[in-house]
Protein backbone atom coordinates (compact mmCIF):
# COMPACT_ATOMS: atom_id res chain seq x y z
CA UNK A 1 148.84 193.86 -30.78
CA UNK A 2 148.59 197.20 -28.97
CA UNK A 3 147.16 197.59 -25.48
CA UNK A 4 144.18 199.90 -25.88
CA UNK A 5 143.79 202.95 -23.66
CA UNK A 6 140.74 205.16 -24.06
CA UNK A 7 141.23 208.70 -25.27
CA UNK A 8 138.40 210.31 -23.25
CA UNK A 9 136.43 209.66 -20.10
CA UNK A 10 133.26 208.92 -22.05
CA UNK A 11 131.94 208.83 -25.60
CA UNK A 12 130.32 212.07 -26.67
CA UNK A 13 130.38 212.06 -30.47
CA UNK A 14 129.72 209.00 -32.62
CA UNK A 15 130.56 208.47 -36.27
CA UNK A 16 128.09 206.29 -38.18
CA UNK A 17 129.18 204.85 -41.53
CA UNK A 18 126.33 203.11 -43.31
CA UNK A 19 122.87 204.62 -43.05
CA UNK A 20 120.84 201.75 -44.46
CA UNK A 21 118.02 199.90 -42.78
CA UNK A 22 119.89 198.90 -39.64
CA UNK A 23 122.00 202.05 -39.62
CA UNK A 24 119.02 204.38 -39.40
CA UNK A 25 117.59 202.34 -36.52
CA UNK A 26 120.83 202.88 -34.62
CA UNK A 27 120.97 206.54 -35.63
CA UNK A 28 117.48 207.27 -34.35
CA UNK A 29 118.20 205.56 -31.03
CA UNK A 30 121.54 207.31 -30.51
CA UNK A 31 120.05 210.72 -31.22
CA UNK A 32 117.23 210.03 -28.77
CA UNK A 33 119.89 209.02 -26.27
CA UNK A 34 121.39 212.48 -26.45
CA UNK A 35 124.51 211.67 -28.46
CA UNK A 36 125.89 213.77 -31.27
CA UNK A 37 126.16 211.67 -34.43
CA UNK A 38 128.23 212.37 -37.54
CA UNK A 39 127.14 210.26 -40.50
CA UNK A 40 128.53 209.14 -43.84
CA UNK A 41 127.12 206.92 -46.58
CA UNK A 42 128.24 206.41 -50.16
CA UNK A 43 124.63 206.79 -51.32
CA UNK A 44 123.42 210.44 -51.30
CA UNK A 45 119.80 209.54 -50.50
CA UNK A 46 120.92 207.68 -47.36
CA UNK A 47 123.08 210.63 -46.33
CA UNK A 48 120.20 213.05 -46.85
CA UNK A 49 117.91 210.87 -44.75
CA UNK A 50 120.48 210.85 -41.93
CA UNK A 51 120.77 214.63 -42.08
CA UNK A 52 117.00 215.01 -41.95
CA UNK A 53 116.98 212.88 -38.80
CA UNK A 54 119.48 215.19 -37.11
CA UNK A 55 122.93 213.85 -37.91
CA UNK A 56 125.86 216.01 -38.98
CA UNK A 57 127.56 214.99 -42.23
CA UNK A 58 131.12 214.61 -43.52
CA UNK A 59 132.49 214.15 -47.02
CA UNK A 60 134.43 210.94 -46.38
CA UNK A 61 135.31 208.37 -43.67
CA UNK A 62 138.68 209.99 -42.91
CA UNK A 63 137.07 213.32 -42.01
CA UNK A 64 134.45 211.52 -39.94
CA UNK A 65 137.10 209.61 -37.95
CA UNK A 66 138.92 212.85 -37.13
CA UNK A 67 135.98 214.41 -35.28
CA UNK A 68 134.40 211.50 -33.35
CA UNK A 69 135.18 209.40 -30.26
CA UNK A 70 134.03 206.12 -31.81
CA UNK A 71 133.13 204.87 -35.29
CA UNK A 72 130.14 202.60 -35.86
CA UNK A 73 130.04 200.58 -39.08
CA UNK A 74 126.87 199.16 -40.63
CA UNK A 75 127.91 197.89 -44.07
CA UNK A 76 126.93 195.13 -46.53
CA UNK A 77 130.06 192.99 -46.48
CA UNK A 78 133.85 192.50 -46.30
CA UNK A 79 134.72 194.50 -49.43
CA UNK A 80 132.82 197.59 -48.32
CA UNK A 81 134.36 197.42 -44.84
CA UNK A 82 137.92 197.20 -46.14
CA UNK A 83 137.30 200.11 -48.48
CA UNK A 84 135.83 202.30 -45.73
CA UNK A 85 138.68 201.47 -43.36
CA UNK A 86 141.71 201.41 -45.67
CA UNK A 87 140.65 202.81 -49.04
CA UNK A 88 141.20 206.35 -50.22
CA UNK A 89 140.24 208.74 -47.38
CA UNK A 90 139.55 205.75 -45.17
CA UNK A 91 138.91 205.68 -41.43
CA UNK A 92 142.44 204.46 -40.70
CA UNK A 93 143.94 207.73 -41.97
CA UNK A 94 141.86 209.93 -39.68
CA UNK A 95 141.52 207.85 -36.55
CA UNK A 96 143.33 209.08 -33.46
CA UNK A 97 144.83 207.05 -30.63
CA UNK A 98 142.48 205.63 -28.02
CA UNK A 99 139.30 205.60 -30.11
CA UNK A 100 137.09 202.59 -30.90
CA UNK A 101 135.74 201.18 -34.17
CA UNK A 102 132.63 199.02 -33.72
CA UNK A 103 131.65 196.92 -36.72
CA UNK A 104 128.02 195.75 -36.57
CA UNK A 105 128.15 194.23 -40.07
CA UNK A 106 127.79 190.50 -40.71
CA UNK A 107 131.16 189.30 -42.01
CA UNK A 108 133.50 186.35 -41.54
CA UNK A 109 135.84 186.10 -38.54
CA UNK A 110 138.96 186.01 -40.73
CA UNK A 111 138.12 189.39 -42.26
CA UNK A 112 137.60 190.90 -38.83
CA UNK A 113 140.85 189.54 -37.43
CA UNK A 114 142.78 190.98 -40.39
CA UNK A 115 141.03 194.37 -40.12
CA UNK A 116 141.50 194.52 -36.37
CA UNK A 117 145.21 193.75 -36.48
CA UNK A 118 145.86 196.26 -39.24
CA UNK A 119 143.79 199.06 -37.71
CA UNK A 120 144.92 198.61 -34.13
CA UNK A 121 148.60 198.53 -35.05
CA UNK A 122 148.27 201.59 -37.29
CA UNK A 123 146.14 203.77 -35.02
CA UNK A 124 146.41 202.45 -31.43
CA UNK A 125 142.61 202.36 -31.41
CA UNK A 126 140.44 199.35 -30.58
CA UNK A 127 138.40 197.28 -33.05
CA UNK A 128 135.28 195.37 -32.01
CA UNK A 129 133.17 193.00 -34.08
CA UNK A 130 129.68 193.53 -32.78
CA UNK A 131 127.07 191.98 -35.12
CA UNK A 132 123.37 192.30 -34.41
CA UNK A 133 121.09 189.49 -33.32
CA UNK A 134 117.69 190.96 -34.09
CA UNK A 135 115.60 192.58 -36.80
CA UNK A 136 114.90 196.28 -37.42
CA UNK A 137 111.47 195.93 -35.81
CA UNK A 138 113.15 194.78 -32.58
CA UNK A 139 115.46 197.79 -32.17
CA UNK A 140 116.11 198.23 -28.47
CA UNK A 141 115.85 194.48 -27.87
CA UNK A 142 118.89 193.43 -29.89
CA UNK A 143 121.69 191.26 -28.52
CA UNK A 144 125.21 192.22 -29.59
CA UNK A 145 127.77 189.39 -29.27
CA UNK A 146 131.10 191.20 -29.27
CA UNK A 147 134.65 190.15 -30.07
CA UNK A 148 137.69 192.15 -28.99
CA UNK A 149 138.82 194.17 -25.97
CA UNK A 150 136.45 193.95 -23.00
CA UNK A 151 137.68 197.35 -21.80
CA UNK A 152 136.80 198.90 -25.16
CA UNK A 153 133.38 197.27 -25.04
CA UNK A 154 132.69 198.73 -21.60
CA UNK A 155 133.75 202.16 -22.89
CA UNK A 156 131.25 202.14 -25.78
CA UNK A 157 128.50 200.16 -24.08
CA UNK A 158 126.59 203.28 -23.08
CA UNK A 159 126.16 203.97 -26.79
CA UNK A 160 125.31 200.41 -27.79
CA UNK A 161 122.60 200.16 -25.17
CA UNK A 162 120.66 202.98 -26.81
CA UNK A 163 119.66 200.49 -29.54
CA UNK A 164 120.33 197.08 -27.96
CA UNK A 165 119.18 195.28 -24.83
CA UNK A 166 122.66 193.95 -24.18
CA UNK A 167 126.18 193.73 -25.58
CA UNK A 168 128.26 190.84 -24.27
CA UNK A 169 131.90 189.88 -24.70
CA UNK A 170 132.13 186.45 -26.38
CA UNK A 171 135.88 186.26 -27.00
CA UNK A 172 138.66 187.71 -29.09
CA UNK A 173 138.48 189.37 -32.49
CA UNK A 174 136.10 187.49 -34.80
CA UNK A 175 134.23 185.69 -32.02
CA UNK A 176 131.17 187.92 -32.42
CA UNK A 177 131.13 187.27 -36.16
CA UNK A 178 131.47 183.51 -35.65
CA UNK A 179 128.53 183.48 -33.26
CA UNK A 180 126.40 185.54 -35.65
CA UNK A 181 127.17 183.25 -38.58
CA UNK A 182 126.24 180.18 -36.56
CA UNK A 183 122.94 181.92 -35.85
CA UNK A 184 122.47 182.56 -39.58
CA UNK A 185 122.97 178.85 -40.29
CA UNK A 186 120.06 178.19 -37.92
CA UNK A 187 118.07 180.94 -39.66
CA UNK A 188 118.57 179.23 -43.03
CA UNK A 189 117.41 175.86 -41.72
CA UNK A 190 114.38 177.17 -39.79
CA UNK A 191 113.34 179.35 -42.73
CA UNK A 192 113.59 176.40 -45.14
CA UNK A 193 111.74 173.84 -43.05
CA UNK A 194 109.03 176.36 -42.12
CA UNK A 195 108.49 177.10 -45.82
CA UNK A 196 108.56 173.43 -46.74
CA UNK A 197 105.96 172.27 -44.21
CA UNK A 198 103.64 175.09 -45.23
CA UNK A 199 103.90 173.82 -48.81
CA UNK A 200 103.39 170.18 -47.80
CA UNK A 201 100.39 170.76 -45.51
CA UNK A 202 97.64 170.83 -48.11
CA UNK A 203 99.03 167.70 -49.81
CA UNK A 204 98.49 165.70 -46.62
CA UNK A 205 94.99 167.07 -46.10
CA UNK A 206 95.75 169.85 -43.60
CA UNK A 207 94.58 173.37 -44.37
CA UNK A 208 97.72 175.59 -44.23
CA UNK A 209 95.88 178.34 -42.33
CA UNK A 210 94.62 175.81 -39.78
CA UNK A 211 98.10 174.31 -39.44
CA UNK A 212 99.69 177.71 -38.87
CA UNK A 213 97.05 178.95 -36.40
CA UNK A 214 97.19 175.76 -34.37
CA UNK A 215 100.96 175.38 -34.20
CA UNK A 216 101.79 179.08 -33.82
CA UNK A 217 99.41 179.44 -30.86
CA UNK A 218 100.63 176.27 -29.15
CA UNK A 219 103.41 175.67 -26.63
CA UNK A 220 105.08 173.16 -28.92
CA UNK A 221 108.88 173.21 -28.68
CA UNK A 222 109.06 173.54 -32.47
CA UNK A 223 107.51 177.00 -32.50
CA UNK A 224 109.83 179.97 -33.05
CA UNK A 225 109.42 183.64 -33.77
CA UNK A 226 110.82 183.00 -37.23
CA UNK A 227 108.19 180.32 -37.96
CA UNK A 228 105.47 182.76 -36.93
CA UNK A 229 106.87 185.46 -39.25
CA UNK A 230 107.51 183.13 -42.19
CA UNK A 231 104.16 181.38 -41.94
CA UNK A 232 102.25 184.67 -41.76
CA UNK A 233 104.01 185.99 -44.88
CA UNK A 234 103.22 182.79 -46.78
CA UNK A 235 99.55 182.80 -45.84
CA UNK A 236 99.22 186.47 -46.79
CA UNK A 237 101.34 186.07 -49.96
CA UNK A 238 103.32 189.03 -48.59
CA UNK A 239 106.84 188.68 -49.94
CA UNK A 240 107.48 192.26 -51.06
CA UNK A 241 107.87 193.86 -47.63
CA UNK A 242 110.92 191.88 -46.52
CA UNK A 243 112.08 191.74 -42.93
CA UNK A 244 115.18 190.06 -44.42
CA UNK A 245 115.72 189.29 -48.09
CA UNK A 246 116.64 186.01 -49.74
CA UNK A 247 119.80 187.60 -51.15
CA UNK A 248 120.94 188.79 -47.71
CA UNK A 249 120.37 185.31 -46.33
CA UNK A 250 122.40 183.87 -49.20
CA UNK A 251 125.26 186.25 -48.40
CA UNK A 252 125.26 185.40 -44.72
CA UNK A 253 124.89 181.65 -45.22
CA UNK A 254 127.72 181.55 -47.73
CA UNK A 255 129.98 183.20 -45.18
CA UNK A 256 128.82 180.76 -42.51
CA UNK A 257 129.32 177.68 -44.66
CA UNK A 258 132.81 178.82 -45.67
CA UNK A 259 133.67 179.50 -42.03
CA UNK A 260 132.61 175.98 -41.08
CA UNK A 261 134.47 174.43 -44.00
CA UNK A 262 137.66 176.35 -43.21
CA UNK A 263 137.45 174.99 -39.66
CA UNK A 264 137.15 171.38 -40.90
CA UNK A 265 133.59 171.21 -39.54
CA UNK A 266 131.50 171.46 -42.73
CA UNK A 267 127.75 171.94 -42.41
CA UNK A 268 125.45 169.47 -44.12
CA UNK A 269 121.97 170.56 -43.02
CA UNK A 270 122.53 174.28 -43.54
CA UNK A 271 124.32 173.55 -46.82
CA UNK A 272 121.34 171.61 -48.10
CA UNK A 273 118.85 174.26 -46.97
CA UNK A 274 121.01 176.89 -48.62
CA UNK A 275 120.41 175.30 -52.03
CA UNK A 276 116.77 176.36 -51.75
CA UNK A 277 117.87 179.94 -51.08
CA UNK A 278 119.88 179.76 -54.28
CA UNK A 279 116.94 178.31 -56.20
CA UNK A 280 114.71 181.12 -54.91
CA UNK A 281 117.26 183.65 -56.17
CA UNK A 282 117.50 181.88 -59.53
CA UNK A 283 113.72 182.12 -59.86
CA UNK A 284 113.76 185.88 -59.36
CA UNK A 285 112.93 186.08 -55.65
CA UNK A 286 116.26 187.45 -54.38
CA UNK A 287 114.86 190.80 -53.26
CA UNK A 288 111.82 189.25 -51.60
CA UNK A 289 111.40 188.14 -47.99
CA UNK A 290 113.10 184.87 -47.04
CA UNK A 291 109.65 183.28 -46.83
CA UNK A 292 109.66 183.36 -50.65
CA UNK A 293 111.61 180.08 -50.44
CA UNK A 294 108.11 178.65 -50.01
CA UNK A 295 107.52 179.31 -53.71
CA UNK A 296 110.34 176.92 -54.61
CA UNK A 297 108.78 174.12 -52.58
CA UNK A 298 105.26 174.87 -53.84
CA UNK A 299 106.45 174.77 -57.45
CA UNK A 300 108.31 171.52 -56.80
CA UNK A 301 105.16 169.83 -55.50
CA UNK A 302 102.84 171.05 -58.27
CA UNK A 303 101.22 168.26 -60.24
CA UNK A 304 101.21 168.51 -64.01
CA UNK A 305 97.76 168.72 -65.55
CA UNK A 306 96.82 165.84 -67.82
């Protein structure tokens, strides 16, 4: 593995690949922070939105990599990342020595380690896995657990702190991804049990609204921000304005469960909760908020009319 040495004193121009929901949050913050941003997205409407916000555009990832000091990735999954990095006109073919690629996507540690080794050896640039702990509504408050070179992290931190509260080194390549996937296993379990108890409440004689109001406003150790969000969506039957979709949770949890299995530490609780995510998808709720898992429990408890 190469020893990374920065190419410039500080980052001035940032390349953003992936201008979706999280990408535009980062873009807006970086522009407000005074940075020049060059953007690319495979979807024209996303590219046009980035341009309207003030970003410059390029025709492909290779051209983008040639004109920036660091590359920020915000992509759906492992396949898209590999294609952007090593596909035709990929980042690897335009990246100069001493630059940094920061991947904020949620992927498995193995993918990151492979990408990092290949990119760093080919370009003498640094690769950081830097997934986001936080939702779009909490931009500016995000935590970024980061795997890879601490020196490279310090170099790009001024950029990361335009949209995050902190970015911390948690280990070598893939460590940030591993931490994020463990968090997503917790997400799956909390989402499932929150949905289940909301469905059970009325069957044990407790009004769901009363249950939610009482618990959510208490200092009980069981209360979380996720419970508050999930419960509110359920009570308002608001599943079509997702903070995070069922299908995205399925993607993340699958990666997490496979990571655990590959490490000979298989998850049982998250694996069981994940089945309800899959049932929600099978019942047509994949593009709805994760709170739509409630519908699976509610349907399960329905009594047949006689």
